């Protein structure tokens, strides 16, 4: 089965640690939008599982650009969805919570994991389940000061990704607080947006990240 690159493989090639969250993307448009993202420099792409036919969209992008991007799934809330993601060729799992059964199953299937947390208790639960990349959500509500405080108590090998309200306007603030990466959804892609528009937004996001 064809699989996409892993997150670390893409990062090792010099890609910025920015995840494009394509919530609501349709399978017939997924490849064009994915190609626009890759061309703009965003090579970590997530399709949430509350999108239409998420596995189909993931499989289509893996086949078309899996040698240039890491393709994953988001809103993975059960081991069964983790299996569906892995079967589609996805290489990273993003969840809204820290369910240890979902983390364990995703790791068993060879995927990178990016579970969501809000509190230090949840963060350490995710670490205990085997995660080293952690998604702080909602990032903009908690603010960069919260990021800095949480990072001070987490293991040094943990990487915090801020998701939710983080974009070109405030990415410098979050980078200064110590986030490793960010995930961007609605300000990058909304259902109905053209590949051209998404590509332009992605280029602006990469430029903002690189300018920090």
Protein backbone atom coordinates (compact mmCIF):
# COMPACT_ATOMS: atom_id res chain seq x y z
CA UNK A 1 0.00 0.00 0.00
CA UNK A 2 1.20 3.50 -0.82
CA UNK A 3 1.91 5.67 2.19
CA UNK A 4 2.79 9.31 2.55
CA UNK A 5 6.00 10.64 4.04
CA UNK A 6 6.09 10.92 7.81
CA UNK A 7 6.01 14.24 9.62
CA UNK A 8 9.68 14.01 10.57
CA UNK A 9 10.70 13.03 7.05
CA UNK A 10 9.02 16.14 5.69
CA UNK A 11 10.53 18.35 8.38
CA UNK A 12 13.98 16.86 7.73
CA UNK A 13 13.64 18.04 4.14
CA UNK A 14 13.29 21.62 5.36
CA UNK A 15 9.52 22.05 5.35
CA UNK A 16 8.01 24.50 7.82
CA UNK A 17 6.14 22.88 10.76
CA UNK A 18 2.75 24.12 9.62
CA UNK A 19 -0.23 21.76 9.31
CA UNK A 20 -2.98 22.68 6.87
CA UNK A 21 -6.34 21.54 8.27
CA UNK A 22 -8.77 20.88 5.41
CA UNK A 23 -12.00 20.46 7.33
CA UNK A 24 -14.87 19.87 4.92
CA UNK A 25 -12.74 19.21 1.84
CA UNK A 26 -14.36 17.04 -0.85
CA UNK A 27 -12.49 14.15 -2.42
CA UNK A 28 -12.82 15.55 -5.93
CA UNK A 29 -11.01 18.77 -4.93
CA UNK A 30 -8.55 17.38 -2.40
CA UNK A 31 -5.67 16.76 -4.80
CA UNK A 32 -5.82 20.21 -6.41
CA UNK A 33 -5.88 21.90 -3.02
CA UNK A 34 -3.12 19.66 -1.73
CA UNK A 35 -0.94 20.46 -4.73
CA UNK A 36 -1.48 24.18 -4.14
CA UNK A 37 -0.43 23.78 -0.51
CA UNK A 38 2.71 21.83 -1.39
CA UNK A 39 3.64 24.37 -4.06
CA UNK A 40 3.33 27.13 -1.45
CA UNK A 41 5.54 25.25 1.01
CA UNK A 42 2.93 23.71 3.33
CA UNK A 43 3.69 20.00 3.25
CA UNK A 44 1.83 18.71 6.31
CA UNK A 45 -1.83 18.20 5.40
CA UNK A 46 -4.64 17.03 7.68
CA UNK A 47 -8.14 15.97 6.64
CA UNK A 48 -10.46 15.87 9.68
CA UNK A 49 -12.69 12.83 9.89
CA UNK A 50 -15.82 14.96 10.11
CA UNK A 51 -15.25 15.91 6.46
CA UNK A 52 -17.06 14.27 3.53
CA UNK A 53 -15.33 10.95 2.69
CA UNK A 54 -12.14 11.74 4.65
CA UNK A 55 -10.48 8.41 3.89
CA UNK A 56 -11.11 8.93 0.18
CA UNK A 57 -9.55 12.39 0.27
CA UNK A 58 -6.55 11.13 2.23
CA UNK A 59 -6.00 8.19 -0.12
CA UNK A 60 -6.25 10.46 -3.18
CA UNK A 61 -3.65 12.88 -1.81
CA UNK A 62 -1.36 10.08 -0.69
CA UNK A 63 -1.42 8.65 -4.21
CA UNK A 64 -0.82 12.03 -5.84
CA UNK A 65 1.69 13.67 -3.50
CA UNK A 66 2.62 11.25 -0.74
CA UNK A 67 6.24 11.41 -1.88
CA UNK A 68 6.26 15.18 -1.21
CA UNK A 69 3.99 15.63 1.80
CA UNK A 70 2.83 14.03 5.01
CA UNK A 71 -0.89 13.34 4.80
CA UNK A 72 -2.81 12.70 8.01
CA UNK A 73 -6.24 12.67 9.54
CA UNK A 74 -7.79 14.79 12.23
CA UNK A 75 -10.68 14.48 14.69
CA UNK A 76 -9.66 10.85 15.15
CA UNK A 77 -11.74 9.86 18.18
CA UNK A 78 -11.64 6.05 18.15
CA UNK A 79 -9.25 3.20 17.39
CA UNK A 80 -11.51 2.29 14.45
CA UNK A 81 -10.93 5.71 12.88
CA UNK A 82 -7.20 5.31 13.48
CA UNK A 83 -7.37 2.06 11.51
CA UNK A 84 -9.33 3.75 8.74
CA UNK A 85 -6.72 6.49 8.55
CA UNK A 86 -3.81 4.03 8.41
CA UNK A 87 -5.61 1.92 5.81
CA UNK A 88 -5.96 5.03 3.61
CA UNK A 89 -2.18 5.56 3.74
CA UNK A 90 -2.14 8.40 6.26
CA UNK A 91 1.00 8.77 8.33
CA UNK A 92 -0.09 11.01 11.20
CA UNK A 93 -3.08 11.14 13.51
CA UNK A 94 -4.51 14.28 15.08
CA UNK A 95 -7.13 14.02 17.81
CA UNK A 96 -9.11 16.59 19.82
CA UNK A 97 -8.38 14.80 23.09
CA UNK A 98 -5.91 12.50 24.84
CA UNK A 99 -7.65 9.13 24.59
CA UNK A 100 -4.88 6.60 25.32
CA UNK A 101 -6.59 3.87 23.28
CA UNK A 102 -6.55 6.07 20.16
CA UNK A 103 -2.92 7.04 20.73
CA UNK A 104 -1.91 3.42 21.30
CA UNK A 105 -3.70 2.13 18.21
CA UNK A 106 -2.23 4.88 16.03
CA UNK A 107 1.28 4.07 17.24
CA UNK A 108 0.64 0.37 16.64
CA UNK A 109 -0.27 1.23 13.05
CA UNK A 110 3.02 3.11 12.62
CA UNK A 111 1.61 6.63 12.56
CA UNK A 112 2.89 9.80 14.19
CA UNK A 113 0.46 11.06 16.83
CA UNK A 114 -0.60 14.59 17.66
CA UNK A 115 -3.24 14.38 20.42
CA UNK A 116 -5.02 17.49 21.62
CA UNK A 117 -4.66 18.81 25.16
CA UNK A 118 -5.79 21.79 27.17
CA UNK A 119 -4.33 21.25 30.63
CA UNK A 120 -0.98 19.98 31.93
CA UNK A 121 -2.82 16.92 33.27
CA UNK A 122 -4.03 16.07 29.77
CA UNK A 123 -0.60 16.76 28.31
CA UNK A 124 1.07 14.33 30.70
CA UNK A 125 -1.62 11.73 30.01
CA UNK A 126 -0.74 11.97 26.33
CA UNK A 127 2.97 11.71 27.10
CA UNK A 128 2.29 8.67 29.24
CA UNK A 129 0.46 7.06 26.31
CA UNK A 130 3.49 7.54 24.07
CA UNK A 131 2.95 10.94 22.42
CA UNK A 132 5.77 13.42 21.99
CA UNK A 133 4.00 15.88 19.70
CA UNK A 134 1.12 17.61 21.49
CA UNK A 135 -1.61 19.84 20.05
CA UNK A 136 -2.61 22.75 22.27
CA UNK A 137 -6.18 23.68 21.40
CA UNK A 138 -7.54 26.32 21.36
CA UNK A 139 -4.24 28.14 21.12
CA UNK A 140 -5.41 31.71 20.64
CA UNK A 141 -7.87 31.57 23.54
CA UNK A 142 -5.19 30.42 25.97
CA UNK A 143 -2.52 32.68 24.53
CA UNK A 144 1.22 32.52 24.12
CA UNK A 145 1.87 33.00 27.84
CA UNK A 146 0.06 29.73 28.53
CA UNK A 147 2.24 27.98 25.95
CA UNK A 148 5.38 29.20 27.67
CA UNK A 149 4.18 28.08 31.09
CA UNK A 150 3.17 24.60 29.92
CA UNK A 151 6.42 24.05 28.05
CA UNK A 152 8.38 24.68 31.25
CA UNK A 153 6.95 21.55 32.87
CA UNK A 154 6.79 19.20 29.88
CA UNK A 155 9.60 16.76 29.04
CA UNK A 156 12.26 18.37 26.88
CA UNK A 157 11.61 16.04 23.97
CA UNK A 158 7.95 17.10 23.69
CA UNK A 159 6.95 19.41 20.87
CA UNK A 160 3.94 21.69 21.31
CA UNK A 161 1.86 22.66 18.29
CA UNK A 162 -0.62 25.51 18.70
CA UNK A 163 -3.93 25.13 16.85
CA UNK A 164 -6.97 27.38 16.82
CA UNK A 165 -6.80 31.05 15.92
CA UNK A 166 -3.09 31.00 15.09
CA UNK A 167 -2.04 32.53 11.79
CA UNK A 168 0.14 35.16 10.09
CA UNK A 169 -0.96 37.93 12.47
CA UNK A 170 0.19 36.20 15.66
CA UNK A 171 2.54 33.42 14.61
CA UNK A 172 5.59 35.41 15.73
CA UNK A 173 4.16 35.70 19.25
CA UNK A 174 3.59 31.96 19.49
CA UNK A 175 7.00 31.12 18.07
CA UNK A 176 8.59 33.38 20.66
CA UNK A 177 6.69 31.48 23.37
CA UNK A 178 8.28 28.25 22.18
CA UNK A 179 5.75 26.42 20.02
CA UNK A 180 7.35 23.92 17.68
CA UNK A 181 4.67 24.24 15.03
CA UNK A 182 1.13 25.34 14.29
CA UNK A 183 -2.01 24.00 12.69
CA UNK A 184 -4.21 26.32 10.63
CA UNK A 185 -7.76 25.59 9.57
CA UNK A 186 -10.47 28.09 8.72
CA UNK A 187 -8.18 31.00 7.92
CA UNK A 188 -6.41 28.80 5.36
CA UNK A 189 -9.24 26.71 3.94
CA UNK A 190 -13.02 26.77 4.12
CA UNK A 191 -15.32 24.56 2.03
CA UNK A 192 -15.76 26.16 -1.36
CA UNK A 193 -12.38 27.91 -1.44
CA UNK A 194 -10.48 27.45 -4.68
CA UNK A 195 -7.05 25.85 -4.84
CA UNK A 196 -5.64 29.18 -6.04
CA UNK A 197 -6.97 31.06 -3.01
CA UNK A 198 -5.71 28.37 -0.63
CA UNK A 199 -2.30 28.49 -2.26
CA UNK A 200 -2.09 32.27 -1.82
CA UNK A 201 -3.02 32.03 1.84
CA UNK A 202 -0.54 29.22 2.37
CA UNK A 203 2.26 31.25 0.81
CA UNK A 204 1.48 34.16 3.14
CA UNK A 205 1.48 31.81 6.11
CA UNK A 206 4.85 30.29 5.18
CA UNK A 207 6.29 33.79 4.71
CA UNK A 208 5.03 34.85 8.14
CA UNK A 209 6.51 31.77 9.79
CA UNK A 210 9.84 32.17 8.02
CA UNK A 211 10.05 35.85 8.96
CA UNK A 212 10.01 35.11 12.69
